[in-house]
C-alpha atoms as a PDB file:
ATOM      1  CA  MET A   1      15.140  -8.944  24.350  1.00  0.00           C
ATOM      2  CA  ARG A   2      12.064  -9.777  26.267  1.00  0.00           C
ATOM      3  CA  HIS A   3      12.320  -6.367  28.029  1.00  0.00           C
ATOM      4  CA  GLN A   4      12.639  -4.443  24.729  1.00  0.00           C
ATOM      5  CA  ILE A   5       9.355  -6.327  23.480  1.00  0.00           C
ATOM      6  CA  LYS A   6       7.509  -5.358  26.562  1.00  0.00           C
ATOM      7  CA  LYS A   7       8.699  -1.759  26.227  1.00  0.00           C
ATOM      8  CA  PHE A   8       7.675  -1.571  22.701  1.00  0.00           C
ATOM      9  CA  ILE A   9       4.189  -2.916  23.444  1.00  0.00           C
ATOM     10  CA  ARG A  10       3.776  -0.494  26.430  1.00  0.00           C
ATOM     11  CA  LYS A  11       4.805   2.552  24.265  1.00  0.00           C
ATOM     12  CA  ASN A  12       3.146   1.357  21.068  1.00  0.00           C
ATOM     13  CA  PRO A  13      -0.191  -0.552  21.967  1.00  0.00           C
ATOM     14  CA  LEU A  14      -1.892   0.688  18.694  1.00  0.00           C
ATOM     15  CA  ALA A  15       1.132  -0.710  16.659  1.00  0.00           C
ATOM     16  CA  VAL A  16       0.483  -4.140  18.402  1.00  0.00           C
ATOM     17  CA  VAL A  17      -3.178  -3.969  17.394  1.00  0.00           C
ATOM     18  CA  GLY A  18      -2.066  -3.171  13.723  1.00  0.00           C
ATOM     19  CA  ILE A  19       0.359  -6.138  13.760  1.00  0.00           C
ATOM     20  CA  VAL A  20      -2.327  -8.414  14.967  1.00  0.00           C
ATOM     21  CA  ILE A  21      -4.803  -7.266  12.302  1.00  0.00           C
ATOM     22  CA  TRP A  22      -2.135  -7.783   9.564  1.00  0.00           C
ATOM     23  CA  ILE A  23      -1.008 -11.145  10.827  1.00  0.00           C
ATOM     24  CA  PHE A  24      -4.663 -12.338  10.857  1.00  0.00           C
ATOM     25  CA  PHE A  25      -5.330 -11.115   7.232  1.00  0.00           C
ATOM     26  CA  ILE A  26      -2.057 -12.443   6.028  1.00  0.00           C
ATOM     27  CA  LEU A  27      -2.809 -15.794   7.474  1.00  0.00           C
ATOM     28  CA  CYS A  28      -6.237 -15.576   5.819  1.00  0.00           C
ATOM     29  CA  ALA A  29      -4.610 -15.007   2.557  1.00  0.00           C
ATOM     30  CA  VAL A  30      -2.010 -17.760   2.873  1.00  0.00           C
ATOM     31  CA  PHE A  31      -4.612 -20.368   4.091  1.00  0.00           C
ATOM     32  CA  ALA A  32      -7.594 -19.150   2.139  1.00  0.00           C
ATOM     33  CA  PRO A  33      -8.163 -22.640   0.561  1.00  0.00           C
ATOM     34  CA  VAL A  34      -8.309 -24.157   4.078  1.00  0.00           C
ATOM     35  CA  LEU A  35     -10.350 -21.417   5.826  1.00  0.00           C
ATOM     36  CA  ALA A  36     -12.850 -20.507   3.097  1.00  0.00           C
ATOM     37  CA  PRO A  37     -16.079 -22.699   3.621  1.00  0.00           C
ATOM     38  CA  TYR A  38     -17.006 -22.402  -0.123  1.00  0.00           C
ATOM     39  CA  ASP A  39     -15.633 -21.774  -3.553  1.00  0.00           C
ATOM     40  CA  PRO A  40     -15.436 -18.013  -3.659  1.00  0.00           C
ATOM     41  CA  VAL A  41     -16.728 -17.927  -7.342  1.00  0.00           C
ATOM     42  CA  ALA A  42     -19.212 -20.707  -7.091  1.00  0.00           C
ATOM     43  CA  GLN A  43     -22.787 -19.563  -7.981  1.00  0.00           C
ATOM     44  CA  ASP A  44     -25.906 -20.981  -6.250  1.00  0.00           C
ATOM     45  CA  LEU A  45     -28.957 -18.884  -7.181  1.00  0.00           C
ATOM     46  CA  SER A  46     -31.065 -20.812  -4.721  1.00  0.00           C
ATOM     47  CA  VAL A  47     -29.488 -19.029  -1.903  1.00  0.00           C
ATOM     48  CA  ARG A  48     -28.908 -15.584  -3.400  1.00  0.00           C
ATOM     49  CA  TYR A  49     -29.226 -12.467  -1.007  1.00  0.00           C
ATOM     50  CA  GLN A  50     -29.269 -14.939   2.062  1.00  0.00           C
ATOM     51  CA  ALA A  51     -28.588 -12.926   5.154  1.00  0.00           C
ATOM     52  CA  PRO A  52     -25.832 -13.998   7.577  1.00  0.00           C
ATOM     53  CA  SER A  53     -26.701 -17.358   9.139  1.00  0.00           C
ATOM     54  CA  ALA A  54     -24.973 -20.463  10.361  1.00  0.00           C
ATOM     55  CA  ALA A  55     -24.593 -21.761   6.933  1.00  0.00           C
ATOM     56  CA  HIS A  56     -23.324 -18.581   5.511  1.00  0.00           C
ATOM     57  CA  LEU A  57     -21.660 -16.435   8.310  1.00  0.00           C
ATOM     58  CA  PHE A  58     -21.296 -13.240   6.109  1.00  0.00           C
ATOM     59  CA  GLY A  59     -24.470 -14.118   4.009  1.00  0.00           C
ATOM     60  CA  THR A  60     -24.514 -14.409   0.074  1.00  0.00           C
ATOM     61  CA  ASP A  61     -24.529 -12.007  -2.788  1.00  0.00           C
ATOM     62  CA  SER A  62     -26.740 -11.480  -5.850  1.00  0.00           C
ATOM     63  CA  PHE A  63     -25.309 -14.722  -7.450  1.00  0.00           C
ATOM     64  CA  GLY A  64     -25.479 -16.819  -4.186  1.00  0.00           C
ATOM     65  CA  ARG A  65     -21.815 -16.651  -3.601  1.00  0.00           C
ATOM     66  CA  ASP A  66     -20.592 -16.924  -0.076  1.00  0.00           C
ATOM     67  CA  VAL A  67     -19.473 -13.507   1.127  1.00  0.00           C
ATOM     68  CA  LEU A  68     -17.121 -14.862   3.798  1.00  0.00           C
ATOM     69  CA  SER A  69     -15.247 -17.048   1.207  1.00  0.00           C
ATOM     70  CA  ARG A  70     -14.892 -14.160  -1.109  1.00  0.00           C
ATOM     71  CA  VAL A  71     -13.605 -11.779   1.793  1.00  0.00           C
ATOM     72  CA  ILE A  72     -11.022 -14.353   2.688  1.00  0.00           C
ATOM     73  CA  TYR A  73      -9.853 -14.885  -0.842  1.00  0.00           C
ATOM     74  CA  GLY A  74     -10.052 -11.184  -1.385  1.00  0.00           C
ATOM     75  CA  ALA A  75      -7.086 -10.608   0.914  1.00  0.00           C
ATOM     76  CA  ARG A  76      -4.921 -12.555  -1.617  1.00  0.00           C
ATOM     77  CA  ILE A  77      -5.442  -9.661  -3.979  1.00  0.00           C
ATOM     78  CA  SER A  78      -6.015  -6.444  -1.887  1.00  0.00           C
ATOM     79  CA  ILE A  79      -3.077  -6.850   0.517  1.00  0.00           C
ATOM     80  CA  PRO A  80      -0.325  -7.895  -1.992  1.00  0.00           C
ATOM     81  CA  SER A  81      -1.604  -5.090  -4.405  1.00  0.00           C
ATOM     82  CA  GLY A  82      -1.235  -2.340  -1.858  1.00  0.00           C
ATOM     83  CA  LEU A  83       2.256  -3.595  -0.777  1.00  0.00           C
ATOM     84  CA  LEU A  84       3.331  -3.960  -4.504  1.00  0.00           C
ATOM     85  CA  VAL A  85       2.149  -0.419  -5.247  1.00  0.00           C
ATOM     86  CA  VAL A  86       4.225   1.110  -2.316  1.00  0.00           C
ATOM     87  CA  LEU A  87       7.298  -1.102  -3.315  1.00  0.00           C
ATOM     88  CA  LEU A  88       7.192   0.067  -6.919  1.00  0.00           C
ATOM     89  CA  ALA A  89       6.636   3.768  -6.004  1.00  0.00           C
ATOM     90  CA  CYS A  90       9.342   3.665  -3.396  1.00  0.00           C
ATOM     91  CA  VAL A  91      12.085   2.062  -5.511  1.00  0.00           C
ATOM     92  CA  PHE A  92      11.436   4.116  -8.603  1.00  0.00           C
ATOM     93  CA  GLY A  93      10.821   7.368  -6.763  1.00  0.00           C
ATOM     94  CA  SER A  94      13.810   6.992  -4.565  1.00  0.00           C
ATOM     95  CA  LEU A  95      16.243   6.332  -7.319  1.00  0.00           C
ATOM     96  CA  TYR A  96      14.678   9.124  -9.424  1.00  0.00           C
ATOM     97  CA  GLY A  97      15.013  11.604  -6.614  1.00  0.00           C
ATOM     98  CA  ALA A  98      18.555  10.495  -5.721  1.00  0.00           C
ATOM     99  CA  ILE A  99      19.727  11.062  -9.187  1.00  0.00           C
ATOM    100  CA  ALA A 100      18.118  14.488  -9.396  1.00  0.00           C
ATOM    101  CA  GLY A 101      19.542  15.482  -5.921  1.00  0.00           C
ATOM    102  CA  TYR A 102      23.004  14.126  -6.403  1.00  0.00           C
ATOM    103  CA  PHE A 103      23.791  15.450  -9.799  1.00  0.00           C
ATOM    104  CA  GLY A 104      21.841  18.649  -9.496  1.00  0.00           C
ATOM    105  CA  LYS A 105      21.645  21.710 -11.844  1.00  0.00           C
ATOM    106  CA  VAL A 106      20.097  20.810 -15.193  1.00  0.00           C
ATOM    107  CA  VAL A 107      19.450  17.136 -14.330  1.00  0.00           C
ATOM    108  CA  ASP A 108      17.726  18.123 -11.091  1.00  0.00           C
ATOM    109  CA  GLU A 109      15.615  20.868 -12.910  1.00  0.00           C
ATOM    110  CA  ILE A 110      14.364  18.655 -15.614  1.00  0.00           C
ATOM    111  CA  LEU A 111      13.639  15.620 -13.542  1.00  0.00           C
ATOM    112  CA  MET A 112      11.887  17.436 -10.828  1.00  0.00           C
ATOM    113  CA  ARG A 113       9.768  19.588 -12.990  1.00  0.00           C
ATOM    114  CA  PHE A 114       8.456  16.336 -14.582  1.00  0.00           C
ATOM    115  CA  ALA A 115       7.659  15.062 -11.073  1.00  0.00           C
ATOM    116  CA  ASP A 116       5.883  18.308 -10.259  1.00  0.00           C
ATOM    117  CA  MET A 117       3.822  18.008 -13.399  1.00  0.00           C
ATOM    118  CA  ILE A 118       2.530  14.558 -12.220  1.00  0.00           C
ATOM    119  CA  MET A 119       1.809  15.876  -8.753  1.00  0.00           C
ATOM    120  CA  SER A 120      -0.167  18.778 -10.056  1.00  0.00           C
ATOM    121  CA  PHE A 121      -2.930  16.378 -11.155  1.00  0.00           C
ATOM    122  CA  PRO A 122      -5.334  14.988  -8.467  1.00  0.00           C
ATOM    123  CA  ALA A 123      -4.037  11.679  -7.728  1.00  0.00           C
ATOM    124  CA  ILE A 124      -7.083   9.587  -7.812  1.00  0.00           C
ATOM    125  CA  LEU A 125      -8.311  11.227 -11.080  1.00  0.00           C
ATOM    126  CA  LEU A 126      -4.955  10.536 -12.787  1.00  0.00           C
ATOM    127  CA  ALA A 127      -4.933   6.910 -11.474  1.00  0.00           C
ATOM    128  CA  MET A 128      -8.555   6.397 -12.814  1.00  0.00           C
ATOM    129  CA  ALA A 129      -7.488   7.717 -16.225  1.00  0.00           C
ATOM    130  CA  LEU A 130      -4.252   5.603 -16.525  1.00  0.00           C
ATOM    131  CA  ALA A 131      -6.233   2.516 -15.422  1.00  0.00           C
ATOM    132  CA  ALA A 132      -8.974   3.118 -17.927  1.00  0.00           C
ATOM    133  CA  ALA A 133      -6.337   3.693 -20.617  1.00  0.00           C
ATOM    134  CA  LEU A 134      -4.278   0.540 -19.755  1.00  0.00           C
ATOM    135  CA  GLY A 135      -7.355  -1.828 -19.407  1.00  0.00           C
ATOM    136  CA  THR A 136      -9.040  -3.535 -16.566  1.00  0.00           C
ATOM    137  CA  SER A 137      -6.543  -5.782 -14.719  1.00  0.00           C
ATOM    138  CA  VAL A 138      -4.993  -6.123 -11.390  1.00  0.00           C
ATOM    139  CA  MET A 139      -1.486  -5.248 -12.544  1.00  0.00           C
ATOM    140  CA  ASN A 140      -2.627  -2.278 -14.639  1.00  0.00           C
ATOM    141  CA  ALA A 141      -4.373  -0.836 -11.576  1.00  0.00           C
ATOM    142  CA  ILE A 142      -1.113  -1.416  -9.586  1.00  0.00           C
ATOM    143  CA  LEU A 143       0.824   0.337 -12.097  1.00  0.00           C
ATOM    144  CA  ALA A 144      -1.625   3.195 -12.486  1.00  0.00           C
ATOM    145  CA  ILE A 145      -1.581   4.015  -8.644  1.00  0.00           C
ATOM    146  CA  ALA A 146       2.264   3.500  -8.608  1.00  0.00           C
ATOM    147  CA  VAL A 147       2.721   6.165 -11.385  1.00  0.00           C
ATOM    148  CA  VAL A 148       0.794   8.727  -9.338  1.00  0.00           C
ATOM    149  CA  ALA A 149       2.519   7.815  -6.078  1.00  0.00           C
ATOM    150  CA  TRP A 150       6.291   7.771  -6.873  1.00  0.00           C
ATOM    151  CA  PRO A 151       6.832  11.667  -7.171  1.00  0.00           C
ATOM    152  CA  LYS A 152       6.489  12.192  -3.404  1.00  0.00           C
ATOM    153  CA  TYR A 153       9.123   9.597  -2.759  1.00  0.00           C
ATOM    154  CA  ALA A 154      11.346  11.329  -5.287  1.00  0.00           C
ATOM    155  CA  ARG A 155      10.852  14.665  -3.657  1.00  0.00           C
ATOM    156  CA  MET A 156      11.838  13.264  -0.259  1.00  0.00           C
ATOM    157  CA  MET A 157      14.847  11.530  -1.515  1.00  0.00           C
ATOM    158  CA  ARG A 158      16.129  14.466  -3.387  1.00  0.00           C
ATOM    159  CA  SER A 159      15.860  16.735  -0.338  1.00  0.00           C
ATOM    160  CA  LEU A 160      17.615  14.024   1.803  1.00  0.00           C
ATOM    161  CA  VAL A 161      20.396  13.670  -0.829  1.00  0.00           C
ATOM    162  CA  LEU A 162      20.943  17.327  -1.104  1.00  0.00           C
ATOM    163  CA  THR A 163      21.894  17.144   2.537  1.00  0.00           C
ATOM    164  CA  VAL A 164      23.889  13.980   2.524  1.00  0.00           C
ATOM    165  CA  ARG A 165      26.015  14.698  -0.488  1.00  0.00           C
ATOM    166  CA  GLU A 166      27.733  17.423   1.474  1.00  0.00           C
ATOM    167  CA  ALA A 167      28.615  15.139   4.570  1.00  0.00           C
ATOM    168  CA  GLU A 168      32.404  14.643   5.293  1.00  0.00           C
ATOM    169  CA  TYR A 169      32.140  10.773   4.444  1.00  0.00           C
ATOM    170  CA  VAL A 170      30.802  11.501   0.979  1.00  0.00           C
ATOM    171  CA  THR A 171      33.439  14.274   0.465  1.00  0.00           C
ATOM    172  CA  SER A 172      36.156  11.784   1.448  1.00  0.00           C
ATOM    173  CA  GLU A 173      34.947   9.204  -1.084  1.00  0.00           C
ATOM    174  CA  ARG A 174      35.009  11.776  -3.861  1.00  0.00           C
ATOM    175  CA  ALA A 175      38.540  12.794  -2.773  1.00  0.00           C
ATOM    176  CA  ILE A 176      39.856   9.168  -3.281  1.00  0.00           C
ATOM    177  CA  GLY A 177      38.304   9.070  -6.694  1.00  0.00           C
ATOM    178  CA  GLN A 178      35.309   6.924  -6.122  1.00  0.00           C
ATOM    179  CA  LYS A 179      32.855   7.094  -9.071  1.00  0.00           C
ATOM    180  CA  SER A 180      29.716   9.056  -8.600  1.00  0.00           C
ATOM    181  CA  TRP A 181      27.383   6.152  -9.195  1.00  0.00           C
ATOM    182  CA  VAL A 182      29.160   4.069  -6.547  1.00  0.00           C
ATOM    183  CA  ILE A 183      28.914   6.738  -4.048  1.00  0.00           C
ATOM    184  CA  LEU A 184      25.288   7.376  -4.804  1.00  0.00           C
ATOM    185  CA  ILE A 185      24.375   3.708  -4.677  1.00  0.00           C
ATOM    186  CA  ARG A 186      26.648   2.476  -1.851  1.00  0.00           C
ATOM    187  CA  THR A 187      26.763   5.457   0.514  1.00  0.00           C
ATOM    188  CA  ILE A 188      24.205   8.186  -0.046  1.00  0.00           C
ATOM    189  CA  ILE A 189      21.007   6.131  -0.746  1.00  0.00           C
ATOM    190  CA  PRO A 190      21.425   3.686   2.213  1.00  0.00           C
ATOM    191  CA  ASN A 191      21.905   6.497   4.528  1.00  0.00           C
ATOM    192  CA  CYS A 192      18.636   8.172   3.324  1.00  0.00           C
ATOM    193  CA  MET A 193      16.440   4.961   3.377  1.00  0.00           C
ATOM    194  CA  SER A 194      15.205   5.296   7.004  1.00  0.00           C
ATOM    195  CA  SER A 195      12.964   8.258   6.020  1.00  0.00           C
ATOM    196  CA  LEU A 196      11.783   6.485   2.892  1.00  0.00           C
ATOM    197  CA  ILE A 197      10.824   3.515   4.970  1.00  0.00           C
ATOM    198  CA  VAL A 198       8.730   5.697   7.298  1.00  0.00           C
ATOM    199  CA  LEU A 199       6.958   7.195   4.290  1.00  0.00           C
ATOM    200  CA  ALA A 200       6.391   3.863   2.688  1.00  0.00           C
ATOM    201  CA  SER A 201       5.028   2.236   5.917  1.00  0.00           C
ATOM    202  CA  THR A 202       2.583   4.967   6.289  1.00  0.00           C
ATOM    203  CA  ASP A 203       1.481   4.828   2.689  1.00  0.00           C
ATOM    204  CA  VAL A 204       0.440   1.135   2.521  1.00  0.00           C
ATOM    205  CA  GLY A 205      -2.987   1.812   3.946  1.00  0.00           C
ATOM    206  CA  THR A 206      -3.618   4.640   1.368  1.00  0.00           C
ATOM    207  CA  ALA A 207      -2.498   2.370  -1.467  1.00  0.00           C
ATOM    208  CA  ILE A 208      -4.911  -0.364  -0.406  1.00  0.00           C
ATOM    209  CA  LEU A 209      -7.612   2.238  -0.292  1.00  0.00           C
ATOM    210  CA  THR A 210      -6.880   3.557  -3.635  1.00  0.00           C
ATOM    211  CA  PHE A 211      -6.638   0.059  -5.181  1.00  0.00           C
ATOM    212  CA  ALA A 212      -9.984  -0.818  -3.615  1.00  0.00           C
ATOM    213  CA  GLY A 213     -11.437   2.639  -5.051  1.00  0.00           C
ATOM    214  CA  LEU A 214     -10.402   1.592  -8.601  1.00  0.00           C
ATOM    215  CA  SER A 215     -11.931  -1.761  -8.213  1.00  0.00           C
ATOM    216  CA  PHE A 216     -15.064  -0.256  -6.857  1.00  0.00           C
ATOM    217  CA  LEU A 217     -15.205   1.820 -10.152  1.00  0.00           C
ATOM    218  CA  GLY A 218     -14.569  -1.408 -12.228  1.00  0.00           C
ATOM    219  CA  LEU A 219     -11.015  -0.423 -13.106  1.00  0.00           C
ATOM    220  CA  GLY A 220      -9.311  -2.974 -11.021  1.00  0.00           C
ATOM    221  CA  VAL A 221     -10.062  -6.733 -11.021  1.00  0.00           C
ATOM    222  CA  SER A 222     -12.251  -8.428 -13.619  1.00  0.00           C
ATOM    223  CA  PRO A 223     -15.419 -10.447 -12.311  1.00  0.00           C
ATOM    224  CA  PRO A 224     -15.932 -12.824 -10.805  1.00  0.00           C
ATOM    225  CA  THR A 225     -12.479 -12.474  -9.020  1.00  0.00           C
ATOM    226  CA  PRO A 226     -12.976 -11.815  -5.373  1.00  0.00           C
ATOM    227  CA  GLU A 227     -11.578  -8.313  -4.404  1.00  0.00           C
ATOM    228  CA  TRP A 228     -12.876  -6.071  -1.550  1.00  0.00           C
ATOM    229  CA  GLY A 229     -13.419  -2.913  -3.541  1.00  0.00           C
ATOM    230  CA  TYR A 230     -15.253  -4.635  -6.293  1.00  0.00           C
ATOM    231  CA  MET A 231     -17.365  -6.630  -3.600  1.00  0.00           C
ATOM    232  CA  VAL A 232     -18.309  -3.196  -1.987  1.00  0.00           C
ATOM    233  CA  SER A 233     -19.599  -1.960  -5.378  1.00  0.00           C
ATOM    234  CA  ASP A 234     -21.658  -5.087  -5.731  1.00  0.00           C
ATOM    235  CA  GLY A 235     -23.811  -4.238  -2.804  1.00  0.00           C
ATOM    236  CA  VAL A 236     -23.758  -0.356  -2.865  1.00  0.00           C
ATOM    237  CA  THR A 237     -27.003  -0.176  -5.043  1.00  0.00           C
ATOM    238  CA  ILE A 238     -28.929  -2.627  -2.945  1.00  0.00           C
ATOM    239  CA  LEU A 239     -28.583  -1.352   0.656  1.00  0.00           C
ATOM    240  CA  GLN A 240     -31.289  -3.641   2.010  1.00  0.00           C
ATOM    241  CA  TYR A 241     -28.783  -6.494   1.639  1.00  0.00           C
ATOM    242  CA  TRP A 242     -26.211  -4.562   3.659  1.00  0.00           C
ATOM    243  CA  TRP A 243     -23.922  -7.583   4.302  1.00  0.00           C
ATOM    244  CA  ILE A 244     -22.726  -7.632   0.663  1.00  0.00           C
ATOM    245  CA  SER A 245     -20.844  -4.384   1.134  1.00  0.00           C
ATOM    246  CA  PHE A 246     -20.366  -4.190   4.922  1.00  0.00           C
ATOM    247  CA  PHE A 247     -17.936  -7.191   5.357  1.00  0.00           C
ATOM    248  CA  PRO A 248     -15.497  -6.465   2.505  1.00  0.00           C
ATOM    249  CA  GLY A 249     -15.815  -2.742   3.482  1.00  0.00           C
ATOM    250  CA  ALA A 250     -14.885  -3.603   7.037  1.00  0.00           C
ATOM    251  CA  ALA A 251     -11.873  -5.726   5.820  1.00  0.00           C
ATOM    252  CA  ILE A 252     -10.612  -2.597   3.866  1.00  0.00           C
ATOM    253  CA  PHE A 253     -11.152  -0.527   6.956  1.00  0.00           C
ATOM    254  CA  LEU A 254      -9.346  -2.936   9.308  1.00  0.00           C
ATOM    255  CA  VAL A 255      -6.302  -3.570   7.048  1.00  0.00           C
ATOM    256  CA  SER A 256      -5.927   0.223   6.405  1.00  0.00           C
ATOM    257  CA  ILE A 257      -6.163   1.352   9.831  1.00  0.00           C
ATOM    258  CA  GLY A 258      -3.891  -1.560  10.917  1.00  0.00           C
ATOM    259  CA  ALA A 259      -1.249  -0.326   8.382  1.00  0.00           C
ATOM    260  CA  ASN A 260      -1.575   3.297   9.762  1.00  0.00           C
ATOM    261  CA  PHE A 261      -0.973   2.006  13.298  1.00  0.00           C
ATOM    262  CA  ILE A 262       2.050   0.046  12.110  1.00  0.00           C
ATOM    263  CA  GLY A 263       3.352   3.088  10.094  1.00  0.00           C
ATOM    264  CA  ASP A 264       3.150   5.406  13.093  1.00  0.00           C
ATOM    265  CA  ALA A 265       5.190   3.085  15.262  1.00  0.00           C
ATOM    266  CA  VAL A 266       7.847   2.768  12.460  1.00  0.00           C
ATOM    267  CA  ARG A 267       7.952   6.462  12.260  1.00  0.00           C
ATOM    268  CA  ASP A 268       8.505   6.758  15.909  1.00  0.00           C
ATOM    269  CA  VAL A 269      11.332   4.181  15.766  1.00  0.00           C
ATOM    270  CA  LEU A 270      13.160   5.423  12.691  1.00  0.00           C
ATOM    271  CA  ASP A 271      12.539   9.151  12.636  1.00  0.00           C
ATOM    272  CA  PRO A 272      14.880  10.769  15.186  1.00  0.00           C
ATOM    273  CA  ARG A 273      12.666  13.842  15.417  1.00  0.00           C
ATOM    274  CA  MET A 274       9.919  11.554  16.699  1.00  0.00           C
ATOM    275  CA  LYS A 275      11.899   9.682  19.314  1.00  0.00           C
ATOM    276  CA  THR A 276      11.234  10.355  22.939  1.00  0.00           C
ATOM    277  CA  GLU A 277      13.657  10.003  25.852  1.00  0.00           C
ATOM    278  CA  ALA A 278      13.624   6.523  27.181  1.00  0.00           C
END
């Protein structure tokens, strides 16, 4: 086991960096009440726009709120939101694509044309329109992003199912009279999941960025809730107070790039075409 861990670290140093980044921010989210030096929503106008100092390591914003505390608490929203977007899109998209690919013909044509219709719209614009229509809230922003993200999972699952459904072990199950739904859920979908996991792992960073983008535009969280994208928008018009946007922006960057590093490693491990000879 120790040898395998050393081998993984040697072959995937960036993945280790990504794991360390994510562990750090997850711990920040879990222990936010202990780590945050101030109440993230408490206002103190006497210290507004205070530059980073010993009292406020990341400075304060326009309402005198401690930026460090808000960045720490922001991890409780930004990280789970990105993960939930990917989970919803992956689960719905994979089931949708599996049904289309397995039953084929008219079912496949109808289902995939609907997926193509959604994919024909620019993703961020459609997410913005849906979030605006649903109303400003974290859950509505998550649903809006998931709605525009699931078709790519559906298309991948469909293409995998079209191949797997002709395999001998699937044919043998049909021959013994196994029901189609049982074959699809118990046999076909599990044998296609590795590629879906690769896609999902590489999509987490994008989901976090998209969620932050909606919050930046005022379509995610409601003030004064601390969330990284919304915090960036707070300081974008007052660049002389650079710390207001810089630190939450840095958090978004680190979490997103860490997710990409981890996703690349997952791809190398699970995708046979990416494996190298040991």
